[in-house]
Every structure is written in C-alpha cells, then in structure tokens.
Amino acid sequence: MNAHEIEQRLKAAITDAEHIAVEGDGGKFTVTVVHTAFETLRPVAKQQLIYGPLQADIASGAIHAVSMRTFTPEEWRKAKLFG
C-alpha cells in the first residue's frame, strides 16, 4: 500500500473534506485532513473518522503506523500562513 492509494481511499470515504493529503512509505504514513466537522469532534472521534476507512489495511499489516494531522478550515488557513 502506498500513500496515493491511502489518499484515494480516504477521499472516497470522507467526501466532504476540504483537503486530504498522505505522505510516507514502508507502512508508515502521515495523514493530513481538513474538515469542518473537526470544529465539534473530540480527538477520539477525529481519529475514528480517519482510521475507519483504513481499518482493514491496518489489521492486515499493510499499514503499520498512521500519524494524523487534523485541522478545521480556519486552523488550516493559519497553519499555511504561519507554518
């Protein structure tokens, strides 16, 4: 499994996300998701939203580790402006 495949899987499952990007290889990936729902979701619910579409690949060992960066649209705007 590569970063592009994971990104496509997430985009198919989280269709209303403003931005989804995946980086990494060798089973270790960093996922960045920008979504308005993150304004009201608790951290565990954010993780569940992202882990859900990837669960079978995590269970099979195709994905070994996932680091997440979750942003609201406003947080994302500020992150792009200020690094």
PDB file of N, CA and C in Angstrom:
ATOM      1  N   MET A   1       0.862  -1.179   0.000  1.00  0.00           N
ATOM      2  CA  MET A   1       0.000   0.000   0.000  1.00  0.00           C
ATOM      3  C   MET A   1       0.897   1.227   0.000  1.00  0.00           C
ATOM      4  N   ASN A   2       0.552   2.190  -0.862  1.00  0.00           N
ATOM      5  CA  ASN A   2       1.356   3.412  -0.922  1.00  0.00           C
ATOM      6  C   ASN A   2       0.499   4.627  -0.540  1.00  0.00           C
ATOM      7  N   ALA A   3       1.151   5.780  -0.438  1.00  0.00           N
ATOM      8  CA  ALA A   3       0.474   6.998   0.022  1.00  0.00           C
ATOM      9  C   ALA A   3      -0.676   7.388  -0.898  1.00  0.00           C
ATOM     10  N   HIS A   4      -0.490   7.227  -2.200  1.00  0.00           N
ATOM     11  CA  HIS A   4      -1.554   7.595  -3.145  1.00  0.00           C
ATOM     12  C   HIS A   4      -2.793   6.721  -2.938  1.00  0.00           C
ATOM     13  N   GLU A   5      -2.605   5.433  -2.737  1.00  0.00           N
ATOM     14  CA  GLU A   5      -3.741   4.530  -2.511  1.00  0.00           C
ATOM     15  C   GLU A   5      -4.494   4.895  -1.238  1.00  0.00           C
ATOM     16  N   ILE A   6      -3.765   5.210  -0.199  1.00  0.00           N
ATOM     17  CA  ILE A   6      -4.399   5.599   1.065  1.00  0.00           C
ATOM     18  C   ILE A   6      -5.164   6.905   0.883  1.00  0.00           C
ATOM     19  N   GLU A   7      -4.553   7.855   0.196  1.00  0.00           N
ATOM     20  CA  GLU A   7      -5.223   9.134  -0.044  1.00  0.00           C
ATOM     21  C   GLU A   7      -6.527   8.936  -0.821  1.00  0.00           C
ATOM     22  N   GLN A   8      -6.500   8.099  -1.839  1.00  0.00           N
ATOM     23  CA  GLN A   8      -7.702   7.842  -2.621  1.00  0.00           C
ATOM     24  C   GLN A   8      -8.780   7.161  -1.779  1.00  0.00           C
ATOM     25  N   ARG A   9      -8.384   6.241  -0.927  1.00  0.00           N
ATOM     26  CA  ARG A   9      -9.336   5.563  -0.048  1.00  0.00           C
ATOM     27  C   ARG A   9      -9.988   6.568   0.910  1.00  0.00           C
ATOM     28  N   LEU A  10      -9.197   7.458   1.481  1.00  0.00           N
ATOM     29  CA  LEU A  10      -9.740   8.460   2.394  1.00  0.00           C
ATOM     30  C   LEU A  10     -10.647   9.441   1.664  1.00  0.00           C
ATOM     31  N   LYS A  11     -10.252   9.866   0.459  1.00  0.00           N
ATOM     32  CA  LYS A  11     -11.085  10.797  -0.304  1.00  0.00           C
ATOM     33  C   LYS A  11     -12.419  10.172  -0.687  1.00  0.00           C
ATOM     34  N   ALA A  12     -12.437   8.885  -0.947  1.00  0.00           N
ATOM     35  CA  ALA A  12     -13.685   8.199  -1.277  1.00  0.00           C
ATOM     36  C   ALA A  12     -14.596   8.077  -0.067  1.00  0.00           C
ATOM     37  N   ALA A  13     -14.007   7.948   1.119  1.00  0.00           N
ATOM     38  CA  ALA A  13     -14.790   7.762   2.340  1.00  0.00           C
ATOM     39  C   ALA A  13     -15.190   9.078   3.002  1.00  0.00           C
ATOM     40  N   ILE A  14     -14.339  10.086   2.903  1.00  0.00           N
ATOM     41  CA  ILE A  14     -14.592  11.383   3.551  1.00  0.00           C
ATOM     42  C   ILE A  14     -14.776  12.400   2.424  1.00  0.00           C
ATOM     43  N   THR A  15     -15.893  12.314   1.759  1.00  0.00           N
ATOM     44  CA  THR A  15     -16.111  13.074   0.525  1.00  0.00           C
ATOM     45  C   THR A  15     -16.227  14.577   0.733  1.00  0.00           C
ATOM     46  N   ASP A  16     -16.596  15.009   1.928  1.00  0.00           N
ATOM     47  CA  ASP A  16     -16.796  16.438   2.159  1.00  0.00           C
ATOM     48  C   ASP A  16     -15.608  17.118   2.838  1.00  0.00           C
ATOM     49  N   ALA A  17     -14.458  16.446   2.888  1.00  0.00           N
ATOM     50  CA  ALA A  17     -13.254  17.061   3.451  1.00  0.00           C
ATOM     51  C   ALA A  17     -12.763  18.149   2.508  1.00  0.00           C
ATOM     52  N   GLU A  18     -12.251  19.212   3.082  1.00  0.00           N
ATOM     53  CA  GLU A  18     -11.708  20.313   2.283  1.00  0.00           C
ATOM     54  C   GLU A  18     -10.354  19.942   1.676  1.00  0.00           C
ATOM     55  N   HIS A  19      -9.582  19.143   2.412  1.00  0.00           N
ATOM     56  CA  HIS A  19      -8.236  18.776   1.959  1.00  0.00           C
ATOM     57  C   HIS A  19      -7.847  17.452   2.599  1.00  0.00           C
ATOM     58  N   ILE A  20      -7.268  16.553   1.802  1.00  0.00           N
ATOM     59  CA  ILE A  20      -6.714  15.302   2.318  1.00  0.00           C
ATOM     60  C   ILE A  20      -5.385  15.079   1.613  1.00  0.00           C
ATOM     61  N   ALA A  21      -4.350  14.823   2.395  1.00  0.00           N
ATOM     62  CA  ALA A  21      -3.033  14.519   1.840  1.00  0.00           C
ATOM     63  C   ALA A  21      -2.393  13.416   2.672  1.00  0.00           C
ATOM     64  N   VAL A  22      -1.647  12.548   2.010  1.00  0.00           N
ATOM     65  CA  VAL A  22      -0.959  11.446   2.686  1.00  0.00           C
ATOM     66  C   VAL A  22       0.483  11.427   2.219  1.00  0.00           C
ATOM     67  N   GLU A  23       1.392  11.295   3.181  1.00  0.00           N
ATOM     68  CA  GLU A  23       2.822  11.185   2.884  1.00  0.00           C
ATOM     69  C   GLU A  23       3.363   9.964   3.601  1.00  0.00           C
ATOM     70  N   GLY A  24       4.425   9.395   3.055  1.00  0.00           N
ATOM     71  CA  GLY A  24       5.085   8.287   3.717  1.00  0.00           C
ATOM     72  C   GLY A  24       5.221   7.081   2.820  1.00  0.00           C
ATOM     73  N   ASP A  25       5.857   6.037   3.373  1.00  0.00           N
ATOM     74  CA  ASP A  25       6.017   4.776   2.673  1.00  0.00           C
ATOM     75  C   ASP A  25       6.447   3.706   3.670  1.00  0.00           C
ATOM     76  N   GLY A  26       6.601   2.506   3.195  1.00  0.00           N
ATOM     77  CA  GLY A  26       7.054   1.433   4.068  1.00  0.00           C
ATOM     78  C   GLY A  26       6.084   1.104   5.189  1.00  0.00           C
ATOM     79  N   GLY A  27       4.820   1.405   4.990  1.00  0.00           N
ATOM     80  CA  GLY A  27       3.820   1.102   6.009  1.00  0.00           C
ATOM     81  C   GLY A  27       3.621   2.193   7.042  1.00  0.00           C
ATOM     82  N   LYS A  28       4.418   3.272   6.982  1.00  0.00           N
ATOM     83  CA  LYS A  28       4.302   4.383   7.930  1.00  0.00           C
ATOM     84  C   LYS A  28       3.891   5.639   7.177  1.00  0.00           C
ATOM     85  N   PHE A  29       2.769   6.220   7.596  1.00  0.00           N
ATOM     86  CA  PHE A  29       2.198   7.336   6.840  1.00  0.00           C
ATOM     87  C   PHE A  29       1.758   8.464   7.756  1.00  0.00           C
ATOM     88  N   THR A  30       1.788   9.677   7.202  1.00  0.00           N
ATOM     89  CA  THR A  30       1.238  10.850   7.868  1.00  0.00           C
ATOM     90  C   THR A  30       0.055  11.316   7.036  1.00  0.00           C
ATOM     91  N   VAL A  31      -1.090  11.426   7.702  1.00  0.00           N
ATOM     92  CA  VAL A  31      -2.332  11.819   7.047  1.00  0.00           C
ATOM     93  C   VAL A  31      -2.702  13.220   7.525  1.00  0.00           C
ATOM     94  N   THR A  32      -2.984  14.110   6.585  1.00  0.00           N
ATOM     95  CA  THR A  32      -3.462  15.455   6.900  1.00  0.00           C
ATOM     96  C   THR A  32      -4.870  15.588   6.343  1.00  0.00           C
ATOM     97  N   VAL A  33      -5.814  15.938   7.226  1.00  0.00           N
ATOM     98  CA  VAL A  33      -7.205  16.096   6.813  1.00  0.00           C
ATOM     99  C   VAL A  33      -7.719  17.435   7.344  1.00  0.00           C
ATOM    100  N   VAL A  34      -8.368  18.195   6.454  1.00  0.00           N
ATOM    101  CA  VAL A  34      -9.012  19.448   6.827  1.00  0.00           C
ATOM    102  C   VAL A  34     -10.511  19.240   6.630  1.00  0.00           C
ATOM    103  N   HIS A  35     -11.272  19.458   7.712  1.00  0.00           N
ATOM    104  CA  HIS A  35     -12.713  19.161   7.652  1.00  0.00           C
ATOM    105  C   HIS A  35     -13.453  20.056   8.648  1.00  0.00           C
ATOM    106  N   THR A  36     -14.594  20.572   8.237  1.00  0.00           N
ATOM    107  CA  THR A  36     -15.388  21.417   9.139  1.00  0.00           C
ATOM    108  C   THR A  36     -15.897  20.634  10.343  1.00  0.00           C
ATOM    109  N   ALA A  37     -16.079  19.333  10.209  1.00  0.00           N
ATOM    110  CA  ALA A  37     -16.567  18.522  11.334  1.00  0.00           C
ATOM    111  C   ALA A  37     -15.607  18.553  12.519  1.00  0.00           C
ATOM    112  N   PHE A  38     -14.336  18.834  12.266  1.00  0.00           N
ATOM    113  CA  PHE A  38     -13.354  18.852  13.352  1.00  0.00           C
ATOM    114  C   PHE A  38     -13.592  19.994  14.331  1.00  0.00           C
ATOM    115  N   GLU A  39     -14.453  20.934  13.972  1.00  0.00           N
ATOM    116  CA  GLU A  39     -14.792  22.020  14.894  1.00  0.00           C
ATOM    117  C   GLU A  39     -15.534  21.486  16.116  1.00  0.00           C
ATOM    118  N   THR A  40     -16.277  20.401  15.963  1.00  0.00           N
ATOM    119  CA  THR A  40     -17.104  19.892  17.056  1.00  0.00           C
ATOM    120  C   THR A  40     -16.713  18.500  17.539  1.00  0.00           C
ATOM    121  N   LEU A  41     -15.827  17.804  16.829  1.00  0.00           N
ATOM    122  CA  LEU A  41     -15.472  16.443  17.216  1.00  0.00           C
ATOM    123  C   LEU A  41     -14.378  16.424  18.270  1.00  0.00           C
ATOM    124  N   ARG A  42     -14.497  15.472  19.172  1.00  0.00           N
ATOM    125  CA  ARG A  42     -13.434  15.245  20.150  1.00  0.00           C
ATOM    126  C   ARG A  42     -12.287  14.508  19.462  1.00  0.00           C
ATOM    127  N   PRO A  43     -11.084  14.531  20.049  1.00  0.00           N
ATOM    128  CA  PRO A  43      -9.932  13.885  19.407  1.00  0.00           C
ATOM    129  C   PRO A  43     -10.163  12.420  19.020  1.00  0.00           C
ATOM    130  N   VAL A  44     -10.799  11.651  19.858  1.00  0.00           N
ATOM    131  CA  VAL A  44     -11.039  10.239  19.532  1.00  0.00           C
ATOM    132  C   VAL A  44     -11.962  10.110  18.324  1.00  0.00           C
ATOM    133  N   ALA A  45     -12.967  10.943  18.222  1.00  0.00           N
ATOM    134  CA  ALA A  45     -13.884  10.902  17.079  1.00  0.00           C
ATOM    135  C   ALA A  45     -13.163  11.306  15.794  1.00  0.00           C
ATOM    136  N   LYS A  46     -12.220  12.237  15.882  1.00  0.00           N
ATOM    137  CA  LYS A  46     -11.423  12.608  14.715  1.00  0.00           C
ATOM    138  C   LYS A  46     -10.613  11.403  14.235  1.00  0.00           C
ATOM    139  N   GLN A  47      -9.989  10.713  15.177  1.00  0.00           N
ATOM    140  CA  GLN A  47      -9.210   9.526  14.838  1.00  0.00           C
ATOM    141  C   GLN A  47     -10.089   8.460  14.202  1.00  0.00           C
ATOM    142  N   GLN A  48     -11.274   8.248  14.749  1.00  0.00           N
ATOM    143  CA  GLN A  48     -12.175   7.238  14.221  1.00  0.00           C
ATOM    144  C   GLN A  48     -12.589   7.556  12.790  1.00  0.00           C
ATOM    145  N   LEU A  49     -12.793   8.834  12.489  1.00  0.00           N
ATOM    146  CA  LEU A  49     -13.168   9.244  11.138  1.00  0.00           C
ATOM    147  C   LEU A  49     -12.083   8.861  10.134  1.00  0.00           C
ATOM    148  N   ILE A  50     -10.835   8.991  10.541  1.00  0.00           N
ATOM    149  CA  ILE A  50      -9.718   8.694   9.649  1.00  0.00           C
ATOM    150  C   ILE A  50      -9.365   7.206   9.661  1.00  0.00           C
ATOM    151  N   TYR A  51      -9.342   6.593  10.824  1.00  0.00           N
ATOM    152  CA  TYR A  51      -8.997   5.169  10.911  1.00  0.00           C
ATOM    153  C   TYR A  51     -10.042   4.273  10.263  1.00  0.00           C
ATOM    154  N   GLY A  52     -11.309   4.659  10.294  1.00  0.00           N
ATOM    155  CA  GLY A  52     -12.386   3.817   9.778  1.00  0.00           C
ATOM    156  C   GLY A  52     -12.125   3.264   8.387  1.00  0.00           C
ATOM    157  N   PRO A  53     -11.869   4.124   7.395  1.00  0.00           N
ATOM    158  CA  PRO A  53     -11.638   3.628   6.035  1.00  0.00           C
ATOM    159  C   PRO A  53     -10.344   2.821   5.880  1.00  0.00           C
ATOM    160  N   LEU A  54      -9.446   2.922   6.844  1.00  0.00           N
ATOM    161  CA  LEU A  54      -8.147   2.255   6.754  1.00  0.00           C
ATOM    162  C   LEU A  54      -8.061   0.998   7.614  1.00  0.00           C
ATOM    163  N   GLN A  55      -9.108   0.701   8.358  1.00  0.00           N
ATOM    164  CA  GLN A  55      -9.065  -0.361   9.356  1.00  0.00           C
ATOM    165  C   GLN A  55      -8.631  -1.712   8.787  1.00  0.00           C
ATOM    166  N   ALA A  56      -9.163  -2.113   7.653  1.00  0.00           N
ATOM    167  CA  ALA A  56      -8.800  -3.419   7.080  1.00  0.00           C
ATOM    168  C   ALA A  56      -7.314  -3.479   6.740  1.00  0.00           C
ATOM    169  N   ASP A  57      -6.776  -2.378   6.232  1.00  0.00           N
ATOM    170  CA  ASP A  57      -5.349  -2.347   5.878  1.00  0.00           C
ATOM    171  C   ASP A  57      -4.456  -2.303   7.109  1.00  0.00           C
ATOM    172  N   ILE A  58      -4.931  -1.676   8.156  1.00  0.00           N
ATOM    173  CA  ILE A  58      -4.186  -1.673   9.419  1.00  0.00           C
ATOM    174  C   ILE A  58      -4.192  -3.079  10.006  1.00  0.00           C
ATOM    175  N   ALA A  59      -5.350  -3.722  10.007  1.00  0.00           N
ATOM    176  CA  ALA A  59      -5.478  -5.072  10.557  1.00  0.00           C
ATOM    177  C   ALA A  59      -4.628  -6.079   9.777  1.00  0.00           C
ATOM    178  N   SER A  60      -4.529  -5.904   8.461  1.00  0.00           N
ATOM    179  CA  SER A  60      -3.757  -6.838   7.637  1.00  0.00           C
ATOM    180  C   SER A  60      -2.252  -6.605   7.737  1.00  0.00           C
ATOM    181  N   GLY A  61      -1.859  -5.449   8.261  1.00  0.00           N
ATOM    182  CA  GLY A  61      -0.449  -5.107   8.355  1.00  0.00           C
ATOM    183  C   GLY A  61       0.072  -4.323   7.159  1.00  0.00           C
ATOM    184  N   ALA A  62      -0.796  -4.056   6.168  1.00  0.00           N
ATOM    185  CA  ALA A  62      -0.378  -3.257   5.007  1.00  0.00           C
ATOM    186  C   ALA A  62      -0.015  -1.838   5.436  1.00  0.00           C
ATOM    187  N   ILE A  63      -0.707  -1.353   6.456  1.00  0.00           N
ATOM    188  CA  ILE A  63      -0.376  -0.060   7.064  1.00  0.00           C
ATOM    189  C   ILE A  63       0.084  -0.356   8.479  1.00  0.00           C
ATOM    190  N   HIS A  64       1.300   0.048   8.784  1.00  0.00           N
ATOM    191  CA  HIS A  64       1.878  -0.235  10.093  1.00  0.00           C
ATOM    192  C   HIS A  64       1.622   0.891  11.095  1.00  0.00           C
ATOM    193  N   ALA A  65       1.749   2.132  10.642  1.00  0.00           N
ATOM    194  CA  ALA A  65       1.596   3.273  11.545  1.00  0.00           C
ATOM    195  C   ALA A  65       0.993   4.455  10.794  1.00  0.00           C
ATOM    196  N   VAL A  66       0.099   5.172  11.476  1.00  0.00           N
ATOM    197  CA  VAL A  66      -0.537   6.353  10.903  1.00  0.00           C
ATOM    198  C   VAL A  66      -0.409   7.503  11.901  1.00  0.00           C
ATOM    199  N   SER A  67       0.218   8.571  11.460  1.00  0.00           N
ATOM    200  CA  SER A  67       0.230   9.812  12.236  1.00  0.00           C
ATOM    201  C   SER A  67      -0.806  10.722  11.605  1.00  0.00           C
ATOM    202  N   MET A  68      -1.553  11.432  12.436  1.00  0.00           N
ATOM    203  CA  MET A  68      -2.623  12.280  11.922  1.00  0.00           C
ATOM    204  C   MET A  68      -2.390  13.730  12.249  1.00  0.00           C
ATOM    205  N   ARG A  69      -2.735  14.549  11.278  1.00  0.00           N
ATOM    206  CA  ARG A  69      -2.784  15.995  11.468  1.00  0.00           C
ATOM    207  C   ARG A  69      -4.194  16.398  11.047  1.00  0.00           C
ATOM    208  N   THR A  70      -4.998  16.808  12.001  1.00  0.00           N
ATOM    209  CA  THR A  70      -6.380  17.191  11.707  1.00  0.00           C
ATOM    210  C   THR A  70      -6.547  18.681  11.953  1.00  0.00           C
ATOM    211  N   PHE A  71      -7.201  19.350  11.005  1.00  0.00           N
ATOM    212  CA  PHE A  71      -7.393  20.787  11.076  1.00  0.00           C
ATOM    213  C   PHE A  71      -8.826  21.152  10.717  1.00  0.00           C
ATOM    214  N   THR A  72      -9.328  22.195  11.353  1.00  0.00           N
ATOM    215  CA  THR A  72     -10.535  22.851  10.856  1.00  0.00           C
ATOM    216  C   THR A  72     -10.076  23.736   9.699  1.00  0.00           C
ATOM    217  N   PRO A  73     -10.974  24.212   8.864  1.00  0.00           N
ATOM    218  CA  PRO A  73     -10.537  25.112   7.777  1.00  0.00           C
ATOM    219  C   PRO A  73      -9.788  26.345   8.291  1.00  0.00           C
ATOM    220  N   GLU A  74     -10.227  26.898   9.407  1.00  0.00           N
ATOM    221  CA  GLU A  74      -9.548  28.079   9.961  1.00  0.00           C
ATOM    222  C   GLU A  74      -8.152  27.719  10.479  1.00  0.00           C
ATOM    223  N   GLU A  75      -8.031  26.593  11.169  1.00  0.00           N
ATOM    224  CA  GLU A  75      -6.713  26.145  11.645  1.00  0.00           C
ATOM    225  C   GLU A  75      -5.774  25.897  10.469  1.00  0.00           C
ATOM    226  N   TRP A  76      -6.310  25.336   9.398  1.00  0.00           N
ATOM    227  CA  TRP A  76      -5.516  25.058   8.201  1.00  0.00           C
ATOM    228  C   TRP A  76      -5.037  26.356   7.548  1.00  0.00           C
ATOM    229  N   ARG A  77      -5.933  27.331   7.476  1.00  0.00           N
ATOM    230  CA  ARG A  77      -5.556  28.625   6.906  1.00  0.00           C
ATOM    231  C   ARG A  77      -4.409  29.245   7.696  1.00  0.00           C
ATOM    232  N   LYS A  78      -4.511  29.212   9.025  1.00  0.00           N
ATOM    233  CA  LYS A  78      -3.466  29.785   9.871  1.00  0.00           C
ATOM    234  C   LYS A  78      -2.161  28.991   9.741  1.00  0.00           C
ATOM    235  N   ALA A  79      -2.271  27.664   9.663  1.00  0.00           N
ATOM    236  CA  ALA A  79      -1.068  26.824   9.541  1.00  0.00           C
ATOM    237  C   ALA A  79      -0.333  27.119   8.243  1.00  0.00           C
ATOM    238  N   LYS A  80      -1.070  27.353   7.171  1.00  0.00           N
ATOM    239  CA  LYS A  80      -0.428  27.675   5.897  1.00  0.00           C
ATOM    240  C   LYS A  80       0.212  29.051   5.926  1.00  0.00           C
ATOM    241  N   LEU A  81      -0.409  29.992   6.637  1.00  0.00           N
ATOM    242  CA  LEU A  81       0.137  31.347   6.723  1.00  0.00           C
ATOM    243  C   LEU A  81       1.370  31.422   7.606  1.00  0.00           C
ATOM    244  N   PHE A  82       1.303  30.743   8.764  1.00  0.00           N
ATOM    245  CA  PHE A  82       2.351  30.893   9.778  1.00  0.00           C
ATOM    246  C   PHE A  82       3.247  29.679   9.932  1.00  0.00           C
ATOM    247  N   GLY A  83       3.015  28.662   9.127  1.00  0.00           N
ATOM    248  CA  GLY A  83       3.869  27.468   9.182  1.00  0.00           C
ATOM    249  C   GLY A  83       3.528  26.643  10.329  1.00  0.00           C
TER     250      GLY A  83
END
